[in-house]
Amino acid sequence: MVKPMKDKGPVQQEMESLLAAAFPDAKFTLSNDSAKHHGHAGDDGSGESHFSLAIEWAGFAGLNRVARQRAVNKALGDLPGQRVHALAIKAGAPGE
């Protein structure tokens, strides 16, 4: 059994930095869910293959779910699909 990582790895740190730069004043939590997917498809053994993101940002007001997810994926560049196998995104505006 793989234990959850206590420290943030380099991929998670990079993702958090990119998100903070792209979405000023956003509140977000990026969780590394890779341990839950150990041995499953997309598990590359790095311990940083599956993540969940909950992000609240005023700039999302008026955007639909797809537009919000596209904005997040754009901010992360090549990480999703290249170094990150799966990213679950829950994006909203304050008060939603």
PDB file of N, CA and C in Angstrom:
ATOM      1  N   MET A   1       0.839  -1.189   0.000  1.00  0.00           N
ATOM      2  CA  MET A   1       0.000   0.000   0.000  1.00  0.00           C
ATOM      3  C   MET A   1       0.879   1.246   0.000  1.00  0.00           C
ATOM      4  N   VAL A   2       0.534   2.192  -0.855  1.00  0.00           N
ATOM      5  CA  VAL A   2       1.281   3.436  -0.947  1.00  0.00           C
ATOM      6  C   VAL A   2       0.662   4.444   0.009  1.00  0.00           C
ATOM      7  N   LYS A   3       1.506   5.078   0.800  1.00  0.00           N
ATOM      8  CA  LYS A   3       1.023   6.098   1.730  1.00  0.00           C
ATOM      9  C   LYS A   3       0.925   7.436   1.009  1.00  0.00           C
ATOM     10  N   PRO A   4      -0.068   8.267   1.365  1.00  0.00           N
ATOM     11  CA  PRO A   4      -0.178   9.591   0.746  1.00  0.00           C
ATOM     12  C   PRO A   4       1.075  10.411   1.011  1.00  0.00           C
ATOM     13  N   MET A   5       1.445  11.218   0.032  1.00  0.00           N
ATOM     14  CA  MET A   5       2.607  12.082   0.190  1.00  0.00           C
ATOM     15  C   MET A   5       2.289  13.187   1.185  1.00  0.00           C
ATOM     16  N   LYS A   6       3.168  13.396   2.129  1.00  0.00           N
ATOM     17  CA  LYS A   6       2.977  14.466   3.107  1.00  0.00           C
ATOM     18  C   LYS A   6       3.502  15.785   2.560  1.00  0.00           C
ATOM     19  N   ASP A   7       4.586  15.707   1.799  1.00  0.00           N
ATOM     20  CA  ASP A   7       5.178  16.906   1.229  1.00  0.00           C
ATOM     21  C   ASP A   7       4.726  17.049  -0.211  1.00  0.00           C
ATOM     22  N   LYS A   8       4.660  18.279  -0.652  1.00  0.00           N
ATOM     23  CA  LYS A   8       4.266  18.533  -2.028  1.00  0.00           C
ATOM     24  C   LYS A   8       5.443  18.231  -2.950  1.00  0.00           C
ATOM     25  N   GLY A   9       5.152  17.515  -4.010  1.00  0.00           N
ATOM     26  CA  GLY A   9       6.174  17.198  -4.992  1.00  0.00           C
ATOM     27  C   GLY A   9       6.360  18.338  -5.971  1.00  0.00           C
ATOM     28  N   PRO A  10       7.342  18.200  -6.858  1.00  0.00           N
ATOM     29  CA  PRO A  10       7.639  19.285  -7.800  1.00  0.00           C
ATOM     30  C   PRO A  10       6.506  19.579  -8.779  1.00  0.00           C
ATOM     31  N   VAL A  11       5.763  18.572  -9.198  1.00  0.00           N
ATOM     32  CA  VAL A  11       4.648  18.810 -10.125  1.00  0.00           C
ATOM     33  C   VAL A  11       3.560  19.608  -9.422  1.00  0.00           C
ATOM     34  N   GLN A  12       3.207  19.220  -8.209  1.00  0.00           N
ATOM     35  CA  GLN A  12       2.180  19.957  -7.468  1.00  0.00           C
ATOM     36  C   GLN A  12       2.634  21.384  -7.196  1.00  0.00           C
ATOM     37  N   GLN A  13       3.878  21.572  -6.839  1.00  0.00           N
ATOM     38  CA  GLN A  13       4.385  22.919  -6.597  1.00  0.00           C
ATOM     39  C   GLN A  13       4.306  23.767  -7.861  1.00  0.00           C
ATOM     40  N   GLU A  14       4.655  23.173  -9.003  1.00  0.00           N
ATOM     41  CA  GLU A  14       4.596  23.902 -10.265  1.00  0.00           C
ATOM     42  C   GLU A  14       3.152  24.266 -10.609  1.00  0.00           C
ATOM     43  N   MET A  15       2.245  23.323 -10.412  1.00  0.00           N
ATOM     44  CA  MET A  15       0.838  23.586 -10.688  1.00  0.00           C
ATOM     45  C   MET A  15       0.317  24.723  -9.823  1.00  0.00           C
ATOM     46  N   GLU A  16       0.630  24.711  -8.544  1.00  0.00           N
ATOM     47  CA  GLU A  16       0.171  25.758  -7.634  1.00  0.00           C
ATOM     48  C   GLU A  16       0.728  27.115  -8.029  1.00  0.00           C
ATOM     49  N   SER A  17       1.971  27.144  -8.450  1.00  0.00           N
ATOM     50  CA  SER A  17       2.590  28.400  -8.887  1.00  0.00           C
ATOM     51  C   SER A  17       1.909  28.945 -10.139  1.00  0.00           C
ATOM     52  N   LEU A  18       1.628  28.077 -11.099  1.00  0.00           N
ATOM     53  CA  LEU A  18       0.958  28.490 -12.332  1.00  0.00           C
ATOM     54  C   LEU A  18      -0.457  28.987 -12.051  1.00  0.00           C
ATOM     55  N   LEU A  19      -1.175  28.300 -11.181  1.00  0.00           N
ATOM     56  CA  LEU A  19      -2.530  28.707 -10.828  1.00  0.00           C
ATOM     57  C   LEU A  19      -2.543  30.064 -10.124  1.00  0.00           C
ATOM     58  N   ALA A  20      -1.618  30.262  -9.207  1.00  0.00           N
ATOM     59  CA  ALA A  20      -1.544  31.525  -8.473  1.00  0.00           C
ATOM     60  C   ALA A  20      -1.233  32.687  -9.417  1.00  0.00           C
ATOM     61  N   ALA A  21      -0.392  32.444 -10.418  1.00  0.00           N
ATOM     62  CA  ALA A  21      -0.050  33.495 -11.384  1.00  0.00           C
ATOM     63  C   ALA A  21      -1.215  33.805 -12.326  1.00  0.00           C
ATOM     64  N   ALA A  22      -1.946  32.779 -12.741  1.00  0.00           N
ATOM     65  CA  ALA A  22      -3.026  32.962 -13.712  1.00  0.00           C
ATOM     66  C   ALA A  22      -4.308  33.497 -13.100  1.00  0.00           C
ATOM     67  N   PHE A  23      -4.526  33.200 -11.818  1.00  0.00           N
ATOM     68  CA  PHE A  23      -5.781  33.572 -11.160  1.00  0.00           C
ATOM     69  C   PHE A  23      -5.478  34.359  -9.877  1.00  0.00           C
ATOM     70  N   PRO A  24      -5.108  35.635 -10.045  1.00  0.00           N
ATOM     71  CA  PRO A  24      -4.762  36.447  -8.870  1.00  0.00           C
ATOM     72  C   PRO A  24      -5.923  36.502  -7.874  1.00  0.00           C
ATOM     73  N   ASP A  25      -5.583  36.407  -6.627  1.00  0.00           N
ATOM     74  CA  ASP A  25      -6.547  36.481  -5.521  1.00  0.00           C
ATOM     75  C   ASP A  25      -7.512  35.300  -5.471  1.00  0.00           C
ATOM     76  N   ALA A  26      -7.247  34.247  -6.218  1.00  0.00           N
ATOM     77  CA  ALA A  26      -8.103  33.053  -6.160  1.00  0.00           C
ATOM     78  C   ALA A  26      -7.834  32.289  -4.878  1.00  0.00           C
ATOM     79  N   LYS A  27      -8.863  31.607  -4.428  1.00  0.00           N
ATOM     80  CA  LYS A  27      -8.721  30.661  -3.324  1.00  0.00           C
ATOM     81  C   LYS A  27      -8.779  29.284  -3.955  1.00  0.00           C
ATOM     82  N   PHE A  28      -7.753  28.478  -3.713  1.00  0.00           N
ATOM     83  CA  PHE A  28      -7.789  27.142  -4.302  1.00  0.00           C
ATOM     84  C   PHE A  28      -7.099  26.111  -3.416  1.00  0.00           C
ATOM     85  N   THR A  29      -7.539  24.885  -3.602  1.00  0.00           N
ATOM     86  CA  THR A  29      -6.929  23.739  -2.947  1.00  0.00           C
ATOM     87  C   THR A  29      -6.624  22.720  -4.031  1.00  0.00           C
ATOM     88  N   LEU A  30      -5.376  22.344  -4.126  1.00  0.00           N
ATOM     89  CA  LEU A  30      -4.946  21.330  -5.076  1.00  0.00           C
ATOM     90  C   LEU A  30      -4.543  20.100  -4.270  1.00  0.00           C
ATOM     91  N   SER A  31      -5.272  19.019  -4.469  1.00  0.00           N
ATOM     92  CA  SER A  31      -5.031  17.795  -3.709  1.00  0.00           C
ATOM     93  C   SER A  31      -4.400  16.739  -4.601  1.00  0.00           C
ATOM     94  N   ASN A  32      -3.368  16.103  -4.085  1.00  0.00           N
ATOM     95  CA  ASN A  32      -2.724  15.003  -4.803  1.00  0.00           C
ATOM     96  C   ASN A  32      -3.465  13.720  -4.440  1.00  0.00           C
ATOM     97  N   ASP A  33      -4.170  13.170  -5.418  1.00  0.00           N
ATOM     98  CA  ASP A  33      -4.959  11.956  -5.217  1.00  0.00           C
ATOM     99  C   ASP A  33      -4.261  10.711  -5.762  1.00  0.00           C
ATOM    100  N   SER A  34      -3.002  10.814  -6.093  1.00  0.00           N
ATOM    101  CA  SER A  34      -2.289   9.738  -6.781  1.00  0.00           C
ATOM    102  C   SER A  34      -2.262   8.435  -5.993  1.00  0.00           C
ATOM    103  N   ALA A  35      -2.159   8.510  -4.690  1.00  0.00           N
ATOM    104  CA  ALA A  35      -2.091   7.278  -3.887  1.00  0.00           C
ATOM    105  C   ALA A  35      -3.359   6.445  -4.038  1.00  0.00           C
ATOM    106  N   LYS A  36      -4.489   7.113  -4.273  1.00  0.00           N
ATOM    107  CA  LYS A  36      -5.756   6.404  -4.457  1.00  0.00           C
ATOM    108  C   LYS A  36      -5.792   5.643  -5.782  1.00  0.00           C
ATOM    109  N   HIS A  37      -4.899   6.001  -6.700  1.00  0.00           N
ATOM    110  CA  HIS A  37      -4.907   5.421  -8.042  1.00  0.00           C
ATOM    111  C   HIS A  37      -3.681   4.563  -8.322  1.00  0.00           C
ATOM    112  N   HIS A  38      -2.962   4.215  -7.280  1.00  0.00           N
ATOM    113  CA  HIS A  38      -1.751   3.408  -7.431  1.00  0.00           C
ATOM    114  C   HIS A  38      -2.083   2.097  -8.146  1.00  0.00           C
ATOM    115  N   GLY A  39      -1.366   1.820  -9.208  1.00  0.00           N
ATOM    116  CA  GLY A  39      -1.563   0.591  -9.965  1.00  0.00           C
ATOM    117  C   GLY A  39      -2.650   0.685 -11.020  1.00  0.00           C
ATOM    118  N   HIS A  40      -3.360   1.790 -11.079  1.00  0.00           N
ATOM    119  CA  HIS A  40      -4.426   1.972 -12.071  1.00  0.00           C
ATOM    120  C   HIS A  40      -3.848   2.587 -13.339  1.00  0.00           C
ATOM    121  N   ALA A  41      -4.656   2.670 -14.359  1.00  0.00           N
ATOM    122  CA  ALA A  41      -4.245   3.302 -15.604  1.00  0.00           C
ATOM    123  C   ALA A  41      -3.806   4.739 -15.335  1.00  0.00           C
ATOM    124  N   GLY A  42      -2.722   5.130 -15.948  1.00  0.00           N
ATOM    125  CA  GLY A  42      -2.218   6.487 -15.792  1.00  0.00           C
ATOM    126  C   GLY A  42      -1.278   6.679 -14.628  1.00  0.00           C
ATOM    127  N   ASP A  43      -1.154   5.684 -13.762  1.00  0.00           N
ATOM    128  CA  ASP A  43      -0.220   5.780 -12.641  1.00  0.00           C
ATOM    129  C   ASP A  43       1.173   5.527 -13.184  1.00  0.00           C
ATOM    130  N   ASP A  44       1.978   6.574 -13.212  1.00  0.00           N
ATOM    131  CA  ASP A  44       3.324   6.448 -13.765  1.00  0.00           C
ATOM    132  C   ASP A  44       4.378   6.140 -12.704  1.00  0.00           C
ATOM    133  N   GLY A  45       3.936   5.957 -11.469  1.00  0.00           N
ATOM    134  CA  GLY A  45       4.864   5.648 -10.390  1.00  0.00           C
ATOM    135  C   GLY A  45       5.510   6.863  -9.758  1.00  0.00           C
ATOM    136  N   SER A  46       5.243   8.044 -10.275  1.00  0.00           N
ATOM    137  CA  SER A  46       5.868   9.260  -9.753  1.00  0.00           C
ATOM    138  C   SER A  46       5.225   9.732  -8.456  1.00  0.00           C
ATOM    139  N   GLY A  47       3.997   9.279  -8.205  1.00  0.00           N
ATOM    140  CA  GLY A  47       3.265   9.771  -7.041  1.00  0.00           C
ATOM    141  C   GLY A  47       2.613  11.113  -7.302  1.00  0.00           C
ATOM    142  N   GLU A  48       2.655  11.570  -8.563  1.00  0.00           N
ATOM    143  CA  GLU A  48       2.051  12.848  -8.932  1.00  0.00           C
ATOM    144  C   GLU A  48       1.355  12.719 -10.292  1.00  0.00           C
ATOM    145  N   SER A  49       0.392  11.822 -10.363  1.00  0.00           N
ATOM    146  CA  SER A  49      -0.293  11.589 -11.631  1.00  0.00           C
ATOM    147  C   SER A  49      -1.768  11.981 -11.607  1.00  0.00           C
ATOM    148  N   HIS A  50      -2.374  12.058 -10.429  1.00  0.00           N
ATOM    149  CA  HIS A  50      -3.806  12.341 -10.294  1.00  0.00           C
ATOM    150  C   HIS A  50      -4.016  13.455  -9.257  1.00  0.00           C
ATOM    151  N   PHE A  51      -4.760  14.490  -9.651  1.00  0.00           N
ATOM    152  CA  PHE A  51      -5.006  15.620  -8.760  1.00  0.00           C
ATOM    153  C   PHE A  51      -6.469  16.039  -8.808  1.00  0.00           C
ATOM    154  N   SER A  52      -6.907  16.715  -7.751  1.00  0.00           N
ATOM    155  CA  SER A  52      -8.214  17.357  -7.690  1.00  0.00           C
ATOM    156  C   SER A  52      -7.988  18.823  -7.347  1.00  0.00           C
ATOM    157  N   LEU A  53      -8.701  19.699  -8.040  1.00  0.00           N
ATOM    158  CA  LEU A  53      -8.586  21.136  -7.819  1.00  0.00           C
ATOM    159  C   LEU A  53      -9.953  21.721  -7.511  1.00  0.00           C
ATOM    160  N   ALA A  54     -10.029  22.448  -6.417  1.00  0.00           N
ATOM    161  CA  ALA A  54     -11.204  23.266  -6.110  1.00  0.00           C
ATOM    162  C   ALA A  54     -10.706  24.708  -6.109  1.00  0.00           C
ATOM    163  N   ILE A  55     -11.271  25.528  -6.989  1.00  0.00           N
ATOM    164  CA  ILE A  55     -10.800  26.909  -7.129  1.00  0.00           C
ATOM    165  C   ILE A  55     -11.982  27.862  -7.186  1.00  0.00           C
ATOM    166  N   GLU A  56     -11.864  28.958  -6.436  1.00  0.00           N
ATOM    167  CA  GLU A  56     -12.865  30.024  -6.422  1.00  0.00           C
ATOM    168  C   GLU A  56     -12.166  31.309  -6.827  1.00  0.00           C
ATOM    169  N   TRP A  57     -12.690  31.933  -7.886  1.00  0.00           N
ATOM    170  CA  TRP A  57     -12.057  33.141  -8.408  1.00  0.00           C
ATOM    171  C   TRP A  57     -13.119  34.060  -8.984  1.00  0.00           C
ATOM    172  N   ALA A  58     -13.050  35.335  -8.665  1.00  0.00           N
ATOM    173  CA  ALA A  58     -14.043  36.299  -9.131  1.00  0.00           C
ATOM    174  C   ALA A  58     -14.114  36.355 -10.657  1.00  0.00           C
ATOM    175  N   GLY A  59     -13.016  36.118 -11.324  1.00  0.00           N
ATOM    176  CA  GLY A  59     -12.977  36.147 -12.780  1.00  0.00           C
ATOM    177  C   GLY A  59     -13.799  35.067 -13.451  1.00  0.00           C
ATOM    178  N   PHE A  60     -14.237  34.068 -12.694  1.00  0.00           N
ATOM    179  CA  PHE A  60     -15.079  33.009 -13.261  1.00  0.00           C
ATOM    180  C   PHE A  60     -16.553  33.425 -13.364  1.00  0.00           C
ATOM    181  N   ALA A  61     -16.922  34.540 -12.754  1.00  0.00           N
ATOM    182  CA  ALA A  61     -18.317  34.990 -12.795  1.00  0.00           C
ATOM    183  C   ALA A  61     -18.744  35.183 -14.249  1.00  0.00           C
ATOM    184  N   GLY A  62     -19.881  34.633 -14.586  1.00  0.00           N
ATOM    185  CA  GLY A  62     -20.411  34.765 -15.933  1.00  0.00           C
ATOM    186  C   GLY A  62     -19.900  33.736 -16.921  1.00  0.00           C
ATOM    187  N   LEU A  63     -18.917  32.936 -16.526  1.00  0.00           N
ATOM    188  CA  LEU A  63     -18.398  31.889 -17.404  1.00  0.00           C
ATOM    189  C   LEU A  63     -19.081  30.562 -17.078  1.00  0.00           C
ATOM    190  N   ASN A  64     -19.338  29.759 -18.098  1.00  0.00           N
ATOM    191  CA  ASN A  64     -19.919  28.443 -17.845  1.00  0.00           C
ATOM    192  C   ASN A  64     -18.826  27.464 -17.401  1.00  0.00           C
ATOM    193  N   ARG A  65     -19.243  26.267 -17.013  1.00  0.00           N
ATOM    194  CA  ARG A  65     -18.326  25.258 -16.480  1.00  0.00           C
ATOM    195  C   ARG A  65     -17.202  24.929 -17.466  1.00  0.00           C
ATOM    196  N   VAL A  66     -17.531  24.787 -18.731  1.00  0.00           N
ATOM    197  CA  VAL A  66     -16.532  24.426 -19.738  1.00  0.00           C
ATOM    198  C   VAL A  66     -15.500  25.540 -19.898  1.00  0.00           C
ATOM    199  N   ALA A  67     -15.952  26.785 -19.949  1.00  0.00           N
ATOM    200  CA  ALA A  67     -15.029  27.915 -20.082  1.00  0.00           C
ATOM    201  C   ALA A  67     -14.093  28.008 -18.882  1.00  0.00           C
ATOM    202  N   ARG A  68     -14.610  27.728 -17.710  1.00  0.00           N
ATOM    203  CA  ARG A  68     -13.776  27.751 -16.502  1.00  0.00           C
ATOM    204  C   ARG A  68     -12.715  26.663 -16.559  1.00  0.00           C
ATOM    205  N   GLN A  69     -13.117  25.469 -16.964  1.00  0.00           N
ATOM    206  CA  GLN A  69     -12.156  24.364 -17.041  1.00  0.00           C
ATOM    207  C   GLN A  69     -11.109  24.627 -18.120  1.00  0.00           C
ATOM    208  N   ARG A  70     -11.521  25.215 -19.214  1.00  0.00           N
ATOM    209  CA  ARG A  70     -10.554  25.566 -20.267  1.00  0.00           C
ATOM    210  C   ARG A  70      -9.549  26.588 -19.754  1.00  0.00           C
ATOM    211  N   ALA A  71     -10.006  27.547 -18.967  1.00  0.00           N
ATOM    212  CA  ALA A  71      -9.110  28.559 -18.407  1.00  0.00           C
ATOM    213  C   ALA A  71      -8.074  27.910 -17.484  1.00  0.00           C
ATOM    214  N   VAL A  72      -8.528  26.973 -16.673  1.00  0.00           N
ATOM    215  CA  VAL A  72      -7.608  26.269 -15.771  1.00  0.00           C
ATOM    216  C   VAL A  72      -6.601  25.460 -16.578  1.00  0.00           C
ATOM    217  N   ASN A  73      -7.082  24.710 -17.564  1.00  0.00           N
ATOM    218  CA  ASN A  73      -6.169  23.906 -18.380  1.00  0.00           C
ATOM    219  C   ASN A  73      -5.173  24.770 -19.138  1.00  0.00           C
ATOM    220  N   LYS A  74      -5.615  25.931 -19.629  1.00  0.00           N
ATOM    221  CA  LYS A  74      -4.710  26.849 -20.322  1.00  0.00           C
ATOM    222  C   LYS A  74      -3.616  27.339 -19.368  1.00  0.00           C
ATOM    223  N   ALA A  75      -4.010  27.666 -18.144  1.00  0.00           N
ATOM    224  CA  ALA A  75      -3.039  28.149 -17.154  1.00  0.00           C
ATOM    225  C   ALA A  75      -1.984  27.097 -16.836  1.00  0.00           C
ATOM    226  N   LEU A  76      -2.380  25.825 -16.888  1.00  0.00           N
ATOM    227  CA  LEU A  76      -1.459  24.736 -16.542  1.00  0.00           C
ATOM    228  C   LEU A  76      -0.627  24.259 -17.722  1.00  0.00           C
ATOM    229  N   GLY A  77      -0.897  24.777 -18.898  1.00  0.00           N
ATOM    230  CA  GLY A  77      -0.081  24.452 -20.063  1.00  0.00           C
ATOM    231  C   GLY A  77      -0.088  22.975 -20.395  1.00  0.00           C
ATOM    232  N   ASP A  78       1.097  22.404 -20.540  1.00  0.00           N
ATOM    233  CA  ASP A  78       1.219  21.002 -20.959  1.00  0.00           C
ATOM    234  C   ASP A  78       1.147  20.010 -19.806  1.00  0.00           C
ATOM    235  N   LEU A  79       0.988  20.484 -18.581  1.00  0.00           N
ATOM    236  CA  LEU A  79       0.954  19.556 -17.441  1.00  0.00           C
ATOM    237  C   LEU A  79      -0.174  18.527 -17.559  1.00  0.00           C
ATOM    238  N   PRO A  80      -1.440  18.967 -17.727  1.00  0.00           N
ATOM    239  CA  PRO A  80      -2.497  17.960 -17.910  1.00  0.00           C
ATOM    240  C   PRO A  80      -2.302  17.255 -19.255  1.00  0.00           C
ATOM    241  N   GLY A  81      -2.280  15.959 -19.209  1.00  0.00           N
ATOM    242  CA  GLY A  81      -2.107  15.190 -20.433  1.00  0.00           C
ATOM    243  C   GLY A  81      -0.669  14.806 -20.712  1.00  0.00           C
ATOM    244  N   GLN A  82       0.266  15.521 -20.134  1.00  0.00           N
ATOM    245  CA  GLN A  82       1.679  15.186 -20.317  1.00  0.00           C
ATOM    246  C   GLN A  82       2.238  14.561 -19.030  1.00  0.00           C
ATOM    247  N   ARG A  83       2.370  15.376 -17.998  1.00  0.00           N
ATOM    248  CA  ARG A  83       2.915  14.876 -16.730  1.00  0.00           C
ATOM    249  C   ARG A  83       1.836  14.531 -15.718  1.00  0.00           C
ATOM    250  N   VAL A  84       0.628  15.012 -15.941  1.00  0.00           N
ATOM    251  CA  VAL A  84      -0.491  14.718 -15.048  1.00  0.00           C
ATOM    252  C   VAL A  84      -1.523  13.936 -15.849  1.00  0.00           C
ATOM    253  N   HIS A  85      -1.843  12.743 -15.374  1.00  0.00           N
ATOM    254  CA  HIS A  85      -2.792  11.887 -16.087  1.00  0.00           C
ATOM    255  C   HIS A  85      -4.229  12.365 -15.917  1.00  0.00           C
ATOM    256  N   ALA A  86      -4.599  12.792 -14.705  1.00  0.00           N
ATOM    257  CA  ALA A  86      -5.980  13.175 -14.432  1.00  0.00           C
ATOM    258  C   ALA A  86      -6.033  14.382 -13.510  1.00  0.00           C
ATOM    259  N   LEU A  87      -6.933  15.308 -13.858  1.00  0.00           N
ATOM    260  CA  LEU A  87      -7.154  16.486 -13.033  1.00  0.00           C
ATOM    261  C   LEU A  87      -8.653  16.742 -12.957  1.00  0.00           C
ATOM    262  N   ALA A  88      -9.221  16.557 -11.774  1.00  0.00           N
ATOM    263  CA  ALA A  88     -10.633  16.862 -11.544  1.00  0.00           C
ATOM    264  C   ALA A  88     -10.712  18.330 -11.131  1.00  0.00           C
ATOM    265  N   ILE A  89     -11.561  19.093 -11.818  1.00  0.00           N
ATOM    266  CA  ILE A  89     -11.635  20.543 -11.585  1.00  0.00           C
ATOM    267  C   ILE A  89     -13.036  20.913 -11.121  1.00  0.00           C
ATOM    268  N   LYS A  90     -13.085  21.618 -10.002  1.00  0.00           N
ATOM    269  CA  LYS A  90     -14.327  22.240  -9.540  1.00  0.00           C
ATOM    270  C   LYS A  90     -14.022  23.732  -9.432  1.00  0.00           C
ATOM    271  N   ALA A  91     -14.531  24.506 -10.399  1.00  0.00           N
ATOM    272  CA  ALA A  91     -14.225  25.938 -10.474  1.00  0.00           C
ATOM    273  C   ALA A  91     -15.505  26.740 -10.291  1.00  0.00           C
ATOM    274  N   GLY A  92     -15.428  27.773  -9.459  1.00  0.00           N
ATOM    275  CA  GLY A  92     -16.590  28.610  -9.223  1.00  0.00           C
ATOM    276  C   GLY A  92     -16.199  30.035  -8.925  1.00  0.00           C
ATOM    277  N   ALA A  93     -17.204  30.893  -8.922  1.00  0.00           N
ATOM    278  CA  ALA A  93     -17.018  32.290  -8.545  1.00  0.00           C
ATOM    279  C   ALA A  93     -17.495  32.461  -7.103  1.00  0.00           C
ATOM    280  N   PRO A  94     -17.022  33.483  -6.400  1.00  0.00           N
ATOM    281  CA  PRO A  94     -17.475  33.701  -5.027  1.00  0.00           C
ATOM    282  C   PRO A  94     -18.997  33.793  -4.952  1.00  0.00           C
ATOM    283  N   GLY A  95     -19.575  33.167  -3.949  1.00  0.00           N
ATOM    284  CA  GLY A  95     -20.996  33.221  -3.725  1.00  0.00           C
ATOM    285  C   GLY A  95     -21.806  32.164  -4.458  1.00  0.00           C
ATOM    286  N   GLU A  96     -21.145  31.358  -5.229  1.00  0.00           N
ATOM    287  CA  GLU A  96     -21.866  30.283  -5.948  1.00  0.00           C
ATOM    288  C   GLU A  96     -21.999  29.049  -5.100  1.00  0.00           C
TER     289      GLU A  96
END
